[in-house]
Protein backbone atom coordinates (compact mmCIF):
# COMPACT_ATOMS: atom_id res chain seq x y z
CA UNK A 1 28.88 -18.79 109.94
CA UNK A 2 29.41 -22.48 108.84
CA UNK A 3 27.28 -23.60 111.83
CA UNK A 4 24.45 -21.08 110.83
CA UNK A 5 24.57 -22.24 106.98
CA UNK A 6 24.41 -25.90 108.14
CA UNK A 7 21.42 -25.28 110.25
CA UNK A 8 19.61 -23.50 107.40
CA UNK A 9 20.69 -26.17 104.78
CA UNK A 10 19.79 -29.24 106.75
CA UNK A 11 15.94 -28.58 107.15
CA UNK A 12 15.70 -26.94 103.67
CA UNK A 13 16.74 -30.06 102.11
CA UNK A 14 14.25 -32.08 104.20
CA UNK A 15 11.58 -29.72 103.23
CA UNK A 16 12.38 -29.29 99.36
CA UNK A 17 12.99 -32.92 98.57
CA UNK A 18 10.06 -34.22 100.59
CA UNK A 19 7.63 -31.67 99.00
CA UNK A 20 9.11 -32.52 95.38
CA UNK A 21 8.29 -36.13 95.62
CA UNK A 22 4.67 -35.41 97.43
CA UNK A 23 3.92 -33.06 94.42
CA UNK A 24 5.15 -35.27 91.65
CA UNK A 25 3.22 -38.28 92.68
CA UNK A 26 0.16 -36.19 93.48
CA UNK A 27 0.12 -34.34 90.10
CA UNK A 28 1.38 -37.21 87.66
CA UNK A 29 -2.06 -38.89 87.45
CA UNK A 30 -3.45 -35.85 85.79
CA UNK A 31 -1.80 -36.60 82.42
CA UNK A 32 -1.41 -40.22 82.89
CA UNK A 33 -5.09 -40.85 83.37
CA UNK A 34 -5.82 -39.61 79.76
CA UNK A 35 -3.75 -42.41 78.52
CA UNK A 36 -4.80 -45.03 81.05
CA UNK A 37 -8.29 -44.50 80.14
CA UNK A 38 -7.57 -45.65 76.67
CA UNK A 39 -5.09 -48.26 77.31
CA UNK A 40 -7.10 -50.10 79.98
CA UNK A 41 -10.53 -49.14 78.69
CA UNK A 42 -11.13 -47.46 82.04
CA UNK A 43 -14.94 -46.56 83.03
CA UNK A 44 -15.63 -43.44 85.07
CA UNK A 45 -15.88 -45.43 88.14
CA UNK A 46 -12.50 -47.09 87.53
CA UNK A 47 -10.82 -43.85 86.72
CA UNK A 48 -12.02 -42.56 90.15
CA UNK A 49 -10.83 -45.65 91.81
CA UNK A 50 -7.43 -45.23 90.22
CA UNK A 51 -7.15 -41.53 91.34
CA UNK A 52 -8.73 -42.13 94.77
CA UNK A 53 -6.23 -45.30 95.45
CA UNK A 54 -3.35 -42.99 96.25
CA UNK A 55 -5.74 -41.19 98.72
CA UNK A 56 -6.75 -44.50 100.34
CA UNK A 57 -3.00 -45.30 100.94
CA UNK A 58 -2.44 -41.99 102.35
CA UNK A 59 -5.42 -42.12 104.74
CA UNK A 60 -4.28 -45.51 106.02
CA UNK A 61 -0.78 -44.05 106.58
CA UNK A 62 -2.22 -41.18 108.46
CA UNK A 63 -4.05 -43.48 110.78
CA UNK A 64 -0.61 -45.07 112.01
CA UNK A 65 1.74 -42.53 110.84
CA UNK A 66 1.59 -40.48 113.95
CA UNK A 67 2.67 -43.35 116.23
CA UNK A 68 5.68 -44.14 114.01
CA UNK A 69 6.68 -40.41 114.17
CA UNK A 70 6.22 -40.10 117.75
CA UNK A 71 7.90 -43.43 118.75
CA UNK A 72 10.50 -44.01 116.24
CA UNK A 73 11.47 -40.44 115.35
CA UNK A 74 11.11 -38.09 112.30
CA UNK A 75 14.10 -39.08 110.34
CA UNK A 76 13.50 -42.90 110.55
CA UNK A 77 9.75 -42.32 109.44
CA UNK A 78 11.16 -40.42 106.47
CA UNK A 79 13.58 -43.05 105.61
CA UNK A 80 10.79 -45.87 105.75
CA UNK A 81 8.58 -43.50 103.59
CA UNK A 82 11.33 -43.46 100.75
CA UNK A 83 11.80 -47.26 100.66
CA UNK A 84 7.98 -47.86 100.47
CA UNK A 85 7.84 -45.08 97.75
CA UNK A 86 10.59 -46.82 95.78
CA UNK A 87 8.46 -49.94 95.79
CA UNK A 88 5.40 -48.28 94.72
CA UNK A 89 6.87 -46.40 91.89
CA UNK A 90 8.49 -49.76 90.52
CA UNK A 91 4.92 -51.59 90.70
CA UNK A 92 3.25 -48.56 88.81
CA UNK A 93 6.14 -48.67 86.14
CA UNK A 94 5.64 -52.42 85.50
CA UNK A 95 1.96 -52.66 86.06
CA UNK A 96 -0.14 -54.60 83.52
CA UNK A 97 -3.57 -54.34 84.92
CA UNK A 98 -5.70 -52.01 86.86
CA UNK A 99 -5.26 -54.10 89.96
CA UNK A 100 -1.54 -53.42 90.07
CA UNK A 101 -2.11 -49.87 89.19
CA UNK A 102 -4.51 -49.40 91.96
CA UNK A 103 -2.03 -51.20 94.53
CA UNK A 104 0.88 -49.33 93.19
CA UNK A 105 -0.90 -45.97 93.79
CA UNK A 106 -2.01 -46.96 97.25
CA UNK A 107 1.62 -47.81 98.16
CA UNK A 108 2.75 -44.56 96.86
CA UNK A 109 0.04 -42.84 98.82
CA UNK A 110 0.95 -44.45 101.99
CA UNK A 111 4.59 -43.26 101.62
CA UNK A 112 3.99 -39.62 100.58
CA UNK A 113 1.52 -39.44 103.69
CA UNK A 114 4.03 -40.56 106.24
CA UNK A 115 6.81 -38.45 104.54
CA UNK A 116 4.57 -35.28 104.51
CA UNK A 117 3.90 -35.39 108.20
CA UNK A 118 7.41 -36.31 109.32
CA UNK A 119 9.00 -33.47 107.20
CA UNK A 120 6.90 -30.74 108.47
CA UNK A 121 7.25 -31.63 112.01
CA UNK A 122 10.88 -32.30 111.64
CA UNK A 123 11.57 -28.84 110.00
CA UNK A 124 9.38 -27.01 112.41
CA UNK A 125 11.49 -28.21 115.26
CA UNK A 126 14.90 -27.62 113.99
CA UNK A 127 14.73 -23.91 113.04
CA UNK A 128 14.15 -20.54 114.84
CA UNK A 129 10.84 -18.84 115.11
CA UNK A 130 11.63 -16.10 112.43
CA UNK A 131 12.92 -18.80 109.92
CA UNK A 132 10.00 -21.39 110.60
CA UNK A 133 7.22 -19.84 108.20
CA UNK A 134 10.02 -19.69 105.32
CA UNK A 135 11.32 -23.22 105.86
CA UNK A 136 8.30 -25.07 106.48
CA UNK A 137 6.74 -23.34 103.30
CA UNK A 138 9.66 -24.62 101.42
CA UNK A 139 7.98 -27.93 101.63
CA UNK A 140 4.99 -26.39 99.82
CA UNK A 141 7.41 -25.12 97.13
CA UNK A 142 8.75 -28.51 96.82
CA UNK A 143 5.27 -29.61 96.23
CA UNK A 144 4.48 -27.14 93.49
CA UNK A 145 7.79 -27.77 91.87
CA UNK A 146 6.99 -31.51 91.94
CA UNK A 147 3.51 -30.78 90.46
CA UNK A 148 4.97 -28.68 87.69
CA UNK A 149 7.55 -31.23 86.79
CA UNK A 150 4.82 -34.03 86.76
CA UNK A 151 2.65 -31.62 84.28
CA UNK A 152 5.70 -31.00 82.04
CA UNK A 153 6.33 -34.73 81.77
CA UNK A 154 2.77 -35.48 81.09
CA UNK A 155 3.03 -33.15 78.29
CA UNK A 156 6.25 -34.57 76.90
CA UNK A 157 4.99 -38.09 77.03
CA UNK A 158 1.39 -37.42 76.24
CA UNK A 159 1.70 -38.65 72.55
CA UNK A 160 3.96 -41.56 73.30
CA UNK A 161 2.80 -44.85 73.37
CA UNK A 162 2.48 -46.16 76.88
CA UNK A 163 3.98 -42.86 78.14
CA UNK A 164 2.46 -43.33 81.49
CA UNK A 165 5.11 -45.82 82.37
CA UNK A 166 7.79 -43.29 81.79
CA UNK A 167 5.71 -40.75 83.82
CA UNK A 168 5.52 -43.29 86.96
CA UNK A 169 9.07 -44.64 86.39
CA UNK A 170 10.81 -41.09 86.37
CA UNK A 171 9.88 -40.90 90.17
CA UNK A 172 12.48 -43.52 90.91
CA UNK A 173 15.35 -41.17 90.32
CA UNK A 174 14.55 -38.19 92.91
CA UNK A 175 13.27 -40.78 95.50
CA UNK A 176 16.82 -42.46 95.52
CA UNK A 177 18.43 -38.85 95.77
CA UNK A 178 16.05 -38.01 98.70
CA UNK A 179 16.67 -41.29 100.42
CA UNK A 180 20.50 -40.78 100.32
CA UNK A 181 19.96 -37.05 101.37
CA UNK A 182 18.15 -38.06 104.40
CA UNK A 183 21.09 -40.56 105.37
CA UNK A 184 23.22 -37.28 105.96
CA UNK A 185 20.74 -35.78 108.48
CA UNK A 186 20.87 -36.18 112.10
CA UNK A 187 18.57 -38.93 113.66
CA UNK A 188 16.38 -36.21 115.20
CA UNK A 189 16.54 -32.37 115.85
CA UNK A 190 17.78 -32.87 119.31
CA UNK A 191 21.02 -34.07 117.86
CA UNK A 192 21.69 -30.41 116.69
CA UNK A 193 20.27 -28.88 119.70
CA UNK A 194 21.06 -30.64 122.89
CA UNK A 195 18.08 -29.14 124.87
CA UNK A 196 15.04 -31.10 124.30
CA UNK A 197 12.43 -28.30 124.47
CA UNK A 198 10.06 -26.79 121.94
CA UNK A 199 11.50 -23.16 122.09
CA UNK A 200 15.07 -24.38 122.42
CA UNK A 201 14.80 -26.63 119.57
CA UNK A 202 13.75 -23.33 117.63
CA UNK A 203 16.98 -21.68 118.82
CA UNK A 204 19.85 -23.65 117.51
CA UNK A 205 22.14 -20.77 117.32
CA UNK A 206 23.92 -19.77 120.54
CA UNK A 207 22.83 -16.70 122.29
CA UNK A 208 25.20 -13.93 123.32
CA UNK A 209 24.72 -12.25 126.48
CA UNK A 210 25.46 -8.45 127.41
CA UNK A 211 29.15 -9.26 127.75
CA UNK A 212 29.50 -10.97 124.39
CA UNK A 213 29.65 -14.35 126.06
CA UNK A 214 27.89 -17.45 124.73
CA UNK A 215 25.19 -18.92 127.08
CA UNK A 216 23.21 -21.98 126.81
CA UNK A 217 19.49 -22.03 127.41
CA UNK A 218 18.25 -23.90 130.58
CA UNK A 219 16.55 -27.37 129.81
CA UNK A 220 12.90 -27.66 130.13
CA UNK A 221 10.75 -30.75 130.67
CA UNK A 222 8.36 -32.03 127.85
CA UNK A 223 4.85 -32.84 128.75
CA UNK A 224 3.35 -36.14 128.00
CA UNK A 225 -0.20 -36.71 126.51
CA UNK A 226 -2.35 -39.34 125.45
CA UNK A 227 -4.34 -39.40 122.26
CA UNK A 228 -7.67 -38.71 124.07
CA UNK A 229 -6.18 -35.56 125.42
CA UNK A 230 -6.89 -33.98 121.82
CA UNK A 231 -10.49 -33.91 122.82
CA UNK A 232 -10.11 -32.73 126.28
CA UNK A 233 -9.81 -29.30 127.91
CA UNK A 234 -6.26 -29.93 129.20
CA UNK A 235 -3.95 -27.21 127.72
CA UNK A 236 -6.98 -26.08 125.64
CA UNK A 237 -6.51 -28.96 123.43
CA UNK A 238 -10.00 -29.14 122.17
CA UNK A 239 -9.65 -25.63 120.57
CA UNK A 240 -6.31 -26.74 118.89
CA UNK A 241 -8.16 -29.71 117.42
CA UNK A 242 -10.88 -27.79 116.21
CA UNK A 243 -8.49 -25.19 114.53
CA UNK A 244 -6.58 -28.15 113.04
CA UNK A 245 -9.68 -30.13 111.72
CA UNK A 246 -11.23 -26.94 110.37
CA UNK A 247 -8.11 -26.03 108.18
CA UNK A 248 -7.75 -29.41 106.69
CA UNK A 249 -11.25 -29.91 105.82
CA UNK A 250 -11.71 -26.39 104.44
CA UNK A 251 -8.56 -26.93 102.40
CA UNK A 252 -10.11 -29.93 100.71
CA UNK A 253 -13.71 -28.94 100.43
CA UNK A 254 -12.88 -25.62 98.67
CA UNK A 255 -12.03 -27.91 95.50
CA UNK A 256 -8.36 -28.20 95.48
CA UNK A 257 -8.07 -31.94 95.03
CA UNK A 258 -10.22 -31.92 91.81
CA UNK A 259 -8.69 -28.79 90.10
CA UNK A 260 -5.20 -30.73 90.77
CA UNK A 261 -6.13 -34.38 89.70
CA UNK A 262 -8.62 -33.70 87.20
CA UNK A 263 -6.98 -30.45 85.61
CA UNK A 264 -6.60 -31.94 82.14
CA UNK A 265 -10.19 -33.32 82.03
CA UNK A 266 -11.69 -29.85 83.18
CA UNK A 267 -9.75 -28.21 80.33
CA UNK A 268 -11.00 -30.86 77.86
CA UNK A 269 -14.65 -30.26 79.17
CA UNK A 270 -14.62 -26.54 78.45
CA UNK A 271 -13.43 -26.88 74.92
CA UNK A 272 -9.63 -27.48 74.73
CA UNK A 273 -9.30 -29.62 71.47
CA UNK A 274 -7.05 -32.42 72.28
CA UNK A 275 -5.10 -34.07 75.18
CA UNK A 276 -1.96 -32.27 74.41
CA UNK A 277 -3.42 -28.87 74.66
CA UNK A 278 -5.20 -29.61 77.88
CA UNK A 279 -2.09 -31.07 79.45
CA UNK A 280 -0.03 -28.01 78.28
CA UNK A 281 -2.71 -25.82 79.97
CA UNK A 282 -2.09 -27.76 83.15
CA UNK A 283 1.48 -27.10 82.95
CA UNK A 284 0.68 -23.19 83.04
CA UNK A 285 -1.17 -24.09 86.27
CA UNK A 286 2.04 -25.72 87.54
CA UNK A 287 4.11 -22.69 86.82
CA UNK A 288 1.67 -20.51 88.62
CA UNK A 289 1.59 -22.64 91.70
CA UNK A 290 5.45 -22.33 91.87
CA UNK A 291 5.54 -18.62 91.63
CA UNK A 292 2.59 -18.22 94.24
CA UNK A 293 4.28 -20.60 96.65
CA UNK A 294 7.65 -18.58 96.36
CA UNK A 295 5.47 -15.35 97.52
CA UNK A 296 4.19 -17.33 100.25
CA UNK A 297 7.43 -18.27 101.38
CA UNK A 298 8.63 -14.71 101.49
CA UNK A 299 5.59 -13.27 103.28
CA UNK A 300 4.88 -16.28 105.71
CA UNK A 301 7.02 -14.77 108.56
CA UNK A 302 6.09 -11.07 107.45
CA UNK A 303 2.33 -10.83 106.79
CA UNK A 304 1.44 -13.73 108.88
CA UNK A 305 -0.57 -16.86 108.47
CA UNK A 306 -4.01 -15.46 109.08
CA UNK A 307 -3.47 -12.73 106.50
CA UNK A 308 -2.35 -15.25 103.78
CA UNK A 309 -5.05 -17.83 104.68
CA UNK A 310 -7.94 -15.18 104.42
CA UNK A 311 -6.60 -13.55 101.30
CA UNK A 312 -6.03 -16.92 99.57
CA UNK A 313 -9.68 -17.99 100.52
CA UNK A 314 -11.09 -14.87 99.04
CA UNK A 315 -9.36 -15.14 95.72
CA UNK A 316 -10.28 -18.95 95.55
CA UNK A 317 -14.07 -18.14 96.09
CA UNK A 318 -13.90 -15.64 93.29
CA UNK A 319 -12.00 -17.70 90.82
CA UNK A 320 -14.15 -21.01 91.29
CA UNK A 321 -17.37 -18.85 90.92
CA UNK A 322 -15.84 -17.40 87.69
CA UNK A 323 -15.16 -20.93 86.47
CA UNK A 324 -18.71 -22.14 87.36
CA UNK A 325 -20.31 -19.16 85.49
CA UNK A 326 -18.02 -19.62 82.31
CA UNK A 327 -18.82 -23.33 82.23
CA UNK A 328 -22.43 -23.11 82.57
CA UNK A 329 -23.19 -24.26 78.95
CA UNK A 330 -20.43 -26.60 78.91
CA UNK A 331 -21.03 -29.46 81.34
CA UNK A 332 -18.55 -32.43 81.79
CA UNK A 333 -20.42 -35.01 80.06
CA UNK A 334 -19.85 -38.51 81.15
CA UNK A 335 -20.31 -40.05 77.68
CA UNK A 336 -17.60 -37.46 76.23
CA UNK A 337 -14.85 -37.95 79.02
CA UNK A 338 -15.34 -41.60 80.34
CA UNK A 339 -17.09 -43.94 78.03
CA UNK A 340 -17.05 -43.33 74.31
CA UNK A 341 -13.75 -42.94 72.57
CA UNK A 342 -12.90 -43.55 68.91
CA UNK A 343 -10.26 -45.78 67.53
CA UNK A 344 -7.96 -42.77 67.28
CA UNK A 345 -8.37 -41.98 70.95
CA UNK A 346 -10.49 -38.90 70.32
CA UNK A 347 -13.65 -38.41 72.29
CA UNK A 348 -16.84 -38.85 70.48
CA UNK A 349 -19.53 -36.06 71.04
CA UNK A 350 -23.16 -36.70 70.83
CA UNK A 351 -25.10 -34.05 68.67
CA UNK A 352 -26.75 -32.81 72.22
CA UNK A 353 -23.21 -32.43 73.55
CA UNK A 354 -22.16 -30.52 70.42
CA UNK A 355 -25.09 -28.30 70.76
CA UNK A 356 -24.50 -27.71 74.38
CA UNK A 357 -20.98 -26.78 73.89
CA UNK A 358 -21.92 -23.88 71.77
CA UNK A 359 -23.07 -20.50 73.12
CA UNK A 360 -26.91 -20.12 72.75
CA UNK A 361 -26.61 -16.45 72.43
CA UNK A 362 -23.56 -15.92 70.05
CA UNK A 363 -23.39 -15.85 66.33
CA UNK A 364 -19.53 -16.65 66.45
CA UNK A 365 -19.34 -19.76 68.64
CA UNK A 366 -15.69 -20.27 68.07
CA UNK A 367 -14.60 -16.78 69.25
CA UNK A 368 -17.03 -17.15 72.11
CA UNK A 369 -15.40 -20.49 73.13
CA UNK A 370 -11.96 -18.91 72.80
CA UNK A 371 -12.95 -16.36 75.31
CA UNK A 372 -14.46 -18.83 77.66
CA UNK A 373 -11.37 -20.93 77.39
CA UNK A 374 -9.20 -18.19 78.43
CA UNK A 375 -11.39 -17.08 81.25
CA UNK A 376 -11.44 -20.61 82.58
CA UNK A 377 -7.61 -20.82 82.19
CA UNK A 378 -7.13 -17.51 84.08
CA UNK A 379 -9.51 -18.53 86.74
CA UNK A 380 -7.82 -21.85 87.37
CA UNK A 381 -4.47 -20.15 87.51
CA UNK A 382 -5.89 -17.49 89.98
CA UNK A 383 -7.35 -20.52 92.11
CA UNK A 384 -4.09 -22.56 92.23
CA UNK A 385 -2.22 -19.31 92.93
CA UNK A 386 -4.42 -18.43 95.83
CA UNK A 387 -4.31 -22.00 97.12
CA UNK A 388 -0.41 -22.09 97.07
CA UNK A 389 -0.22 -18.70 98.95
CA UNK A 390 -2.92 -19.75 101.73
CA UNK A 391 -4.26 -23.19 102.41
CA UNK A 392 -1.25 -24.99 100.60
CA UNK A 393 1.50 -24.03 102.87
CA UNK A 394 -0.22 -22.22 105.64
CA UNK A 395 -2.28 -25.21 106.71
CA UNK A 396 0.81 -27.41 107.43
CA UNK A 397 2.57 -24.70 108.97
CA UNK A 398 0.02 -23.83 111.51
CA UNK A 399 -0.57 -27.54 112.43
CA UNK A 400 3.05 -28.06 113.05
CA UNK A 401 3.05 -25.12 115.44
CA UNK A 402 -0.07 -25.37 117.45
CA UNK A 403 0.35 -28.58 119.20
CA UNK A 404 2.88 -29.57 122.07
CA UNK A 405 5.96 -31.62 121.21
CA UNK A 406 4.71 -34.72 123.34
CA UNK A 407 1.70 -35.20 121.08
CA UNK A 408 2.66 -33.46 117.96
CA UNK A 409 3.01 -36.48 115.75
CA UNK A 410 -0.20 -38.07 116.64
CA UNK A 411 -2.04 -34.72 116.51
CA UNK A 412 -0.71 -33.88 113.10
CA UNK A 413 -1.62 -37.48 111.91
CA UNK A 414 -5.11 -37.36 113.20
CA UNK A 415 -5.89 -34.05 111.39
CA UNK A 416 -3.99 -35.50 108.37
CA UNK A 417 -6.43 -38.36 108.38
CA UNK A 418 -9.30 -36.12 108.02
CA UNK A 419 -7.49 -34.40 105.17
CA UNK A 420 -6.95 -37.54 103.19
CA UNK A 421 -10.60 -38.79 104.06
CA UNK A 422 -12.12 -35.75 102.61
CA UNK A 423 -9.56 -35.73 99.57
CA UNK A 424 -10.59 -39.36 99.05
CA UNK A 425 -14.31 -38.55 99.30
CA UNK A 426 -14.21 -35.52 96.85
CA UNK A 427 -12.12 -37.33 94.27
CA UNK A 428 -13.91 -40.49 94.30
CA UNK A 429 -17.24 -38.85 93.68
CA UNK A 430 -16.26 -35.97 91.30
CA UNK A 431 -17.06 -37.25 88.05
CA UNK A 432 -20.33 -39.00 89.09
CA UNK A 433 -21.44 -35.56 90.93
CA UNK A 434 -20.43 -33.55 87.75
CA UNK A 435 -22.60 -35.89 85.58
CA UNK A 436 -25.39 -35.41 88.23
CA UNK A 437 -25.61 -31.69 88.80
CA UNK A 438 -23.16 -30.25 86.33
CA UNK A 439 -19.73 -28.74 86.27
CA UNK A 440 -21.06 -25.21 87.00
CA UNK A 441 -22.94 -26.00 90.13
CA UNK A 442 -20.10 -27.92 91.37
CA UNK A 443 -17.56 -24.99 91.14
CA UNK A 444 -20.42 -22.52 92.43
CA UNK A 445 -20.63 -24.87 95.47
CA UNK A 446 -16.85 -24.54 95.94
CA UNK A 447 -17.37 -20.72 95.94
CA UNK A 448 -19.84 -20.78 98.79
CA UNK A 449 -17.53 -23.21 100.86
CA UNK A 450 -14.62 -20.75 100.29
CA UNK A 451 -16.59 -17.95 102.01
CA UNK A 452 -17.48 -20.15 104.83
CA UNK A 453 -13.60 -20.74 105.27
CA UNK A 454 -12.90 -17.18 105.27
CA UNK A 455 -15.52 -16.70 108.29
CA UNK A 456 -13.79 -19.76 110.08
CA UNK A 457 -10.25 -18.44 109.79
CA UNK A 458 -11.32 -14.88 110.89
CA UNK A 459 -13.03 -16.07 113.99
CA UNK A 460 -10.98 -19.13 115.10
CA UNK A 461 -7.35 -19.52 113.68
CA UNK A 462 -4.77 -17.47 115.66
CA UNK A 463 -1.83 -15.70 114.32
CA UNK A 464 1.44 -17.46 115.42
CA UNK A 465 4.05 -15.57 113.31
CA UNK A 466 7.35 -14.63 115.18
CA UNK A 467 6.55 -16.86 118.32
CA UNK A 468 8.48 -19.78 119.41
CA UNK A 469 6.84 -23.15 119.81
CA UNK A 470 6.98 -22.87 123.46
CA UNK A 471 5.25 -19.41 123.29
CA UNK A 472 2.50 -20.68 121.04
CA UNK A 473 1.98 -23.65 123.43
CA UNK A 474 1.86 -21.51 126.48
CA UNK A 475 -0.55 -19.05 125.15
CA UNK A 476 -2.71 -21.66 123.64
CA UNK A 477 -3.04 -23.21 126.95
CA UNK A 478 -4.81 -20.39 128.17
CA UNK A 479 -8.38 -19.50 127.10
CA UNK A 480 -9.09 -18.12 123.81
CA UNK A 481 -9.66 -14.69 125.00
CA UNK A 482 -6.31 -14.57 126.80
CA UNK A 483 -4.66 -15.79 123.66
CA UNK A 484 -6.23 -13.15 121.34
CA UNK A 485 -5.39 -10.67 124.13
CA UNK A 486 -1.85 -11.79 124.16
CA UNK A 487 -1.44 -11.48 120.56
CA UNK A 488 -2.84 -8.12 120.38
CA UNK A 489 -0.22 -6.99 123.14
CA UNK A 490 2.56 -8.38 121.01
CA UNK A 491 1.29 -6.53 117.85
CA UNK A 492 1.11 -3.30 119.86
CA UNK A 493 4.61 -3.85 121.37
CA UNK A 494 6.02 -4.68 117.99
CA UNK A 495 4.51 -1.46 116.48
CA UNK A 496 5.72 0.71 119.35
CA UNK A 497 9.23 -0.70 119.09
């Protein structure tokens, strides 16, 4: 009993604390940006640079993180990322110019990127097949809790002079706690499990034979791969790479980065009256993300990865389409959000903008705007909930499962580099694209991408629930048709039993 509890608590600690710091650093910019815009007189382009600097650091980390994880171990990679995160948080807290803010955010981005990859791989290798979905999804739960915490602190410090320093500085405490917690964990999963094999890493508890005696599994040999094998037909690696890249790219191009990083600005653009109300609405998004992620944790090993991914994409497409329609007459005007502010810090609206923010067919614009605000808020809550059930946890869970152990770190890093590159591209161009084509068209475009994601998942993404890492590897090594046929047989066998 004590050993079983230890086996569960150790990877749970890794997942939760790693995700908490990732989510906090990712979400804190949403509210801090409103103050930084005023304190440093940031233009639209400078705001985009600041938001995207974290993504730039994360992209750089994803290019080298796989080598660090595969060669030096998962635990050491997590420890190094914690030290880098401490340095980045200190830089942000003490920053006195845009250059230092950008450098601090890049440092933080580098750290959380390495940590995210190492944590997911570390946990997936430590736990049994029937627990893998729950505990890897716990990382996403940590992310949503971190985002909720960041939104709550954004609201608390939104009216405080230089409140952004407190927002960035409070990241130091949980980073130290995470660093100390990692020191208590084994160097790598094989310490808890003497048999260095994917399936055996997932079976940490001793198995009992028919006579009640404990038996140990036989060791197996781990295959070695080069990076170029990701693009070759060996063990069907090309199909695995296609699935991995498709998931991470659709995860970004369905609009999640902008809803997360620019949540407060989007709420301001559709009529929320001040920074505090916009940030408070963002807190509501954080609450919904936490609840939805807990639901995903429960059903990841029951409903399966494919079901949650498809269901999440459908809801995301509907919700962003609704946002696009409700914001049709309320564009995110660049002069309103980026350039013109009064001495009191309130945005100045041109007469044309004021006219555009009123419904052209309503005699009671205030009531109409209140309805539109609620529709926007509920739609964004539905969007973040669907993401937290589907793309949020399931993408990283599938990525941690489909690759062999010998190349898992580099493969995860390769796919993650495309994830951060897409995130960087979207976040860097968001405000300028909104100014060019309008908020409505942008969200309607996200809806179309969401429909495409549903088709991709239905046709190409396999179901991996209830299978050990070795079983997934062996079945993926066959042709795609055989893999699907094997899954069908598993489902039929489970139903019959």
